[in-house]
C-alpha cells in the first residue's frame, strides 16, 4: 500500500505527503501526513481488532465532540462519513496532528489534568463500559500472585481491592492520564491521547491512577506538589471523606499492580510496598 494514495482515495484530503513515523511496530505504524487541508496522523494496524471493537473504541470521539469537549483529538472522517477504513488485514484511522509541545511535569499541568478529569468523569450517558473491568483485573492479579516471589504479600494486596467492585459514582473515564498520553494543540489546549480503553466505570479509577504510578516515582521520590495540584483541581473545592480517600488508594493500588509486569518489576514492586507503608502520607495529598 502506498499510503498517500490510500489516504487520498478514502479521506477528503488532497496532495497528501508522508512525514515522520512516530511509532513503528511489526504490525502497527503511526505516521504523520500533511495535505492541503493541514497536518494529520495516520494509525495503520496490519493486525487489527475486530471491526466492532474498533468502532466501539472510536465512539468516544463523536460522543465528546458533540459535547464540545476540547481535550480530545479530532477524528477525521472518511469521504463517505466513516470513522475508519477496515479490511480483514488492516485498519486505518486518521486524527488531527497536535503541533504543540508535550506537557511538562509542573503543578500547573496537573491542575489542568484535574479539570479535564473532573469534566470527563461528569458525563453519564456514554453507552460503552471502561475496557478494564475491575472484576477481570482482580482475577488476573489473583492468578499472577500465585507465581510471584512474594506470593502471600501480593495476594494480600489483591484482597484489598475487593471494595472497588462496589465503588459508586460511575462516569466516563479515560483511565490512563499521564504526561506521555497528552500533547498541546497550537492554541495551548492540553489534549489527551490514547482513548482506546475509555468508557463508563467507577470514577475512583480515574482519581486513583496517578496517586502511585505518577506521584511516587520508581526511585521512591514523592511528588506532593504535583499531586496536590491535581487533586485540588479534580475535587474543585470539595473534599472526599475518609471512605472515599480509602477507595482512591485501593484504585491506585489496582493500577500499580496491573502495571508492575511491564517494566522494572522489582522497582515497581518496591514502590507498591512503599506506598502501602506510607498510605496516610499519600492520602494527605488529597484535599
Foldseek 3Di string as FASTA:
>chain_A
DPVVVVQVVWAVFAPKDWDDWPDDDPFWTWTWIATPVGIKIKIKGQQDDPPVLVVLLPPVLVVVVVVVLPQAWHWGAIPVGHQWDDDNGMIMTMTHDAPFFQDDLDLVVLLLVLQSLLVQLPADPFDDAQQDDLVVLLVVQLVVLVPDPNSVVSVVLSVLLVVQNVADRKGKGQQADDRVQWGAHPVGRIHGHDSSRIHIGRSLLRLQQCLQPPQQDLVGDGNLSNLLSNQCSNCVPDFDDPVSLSNSPSSNLSNLSVCLVPDPNVSSVVSSVVCVVCVVVSSVSHD
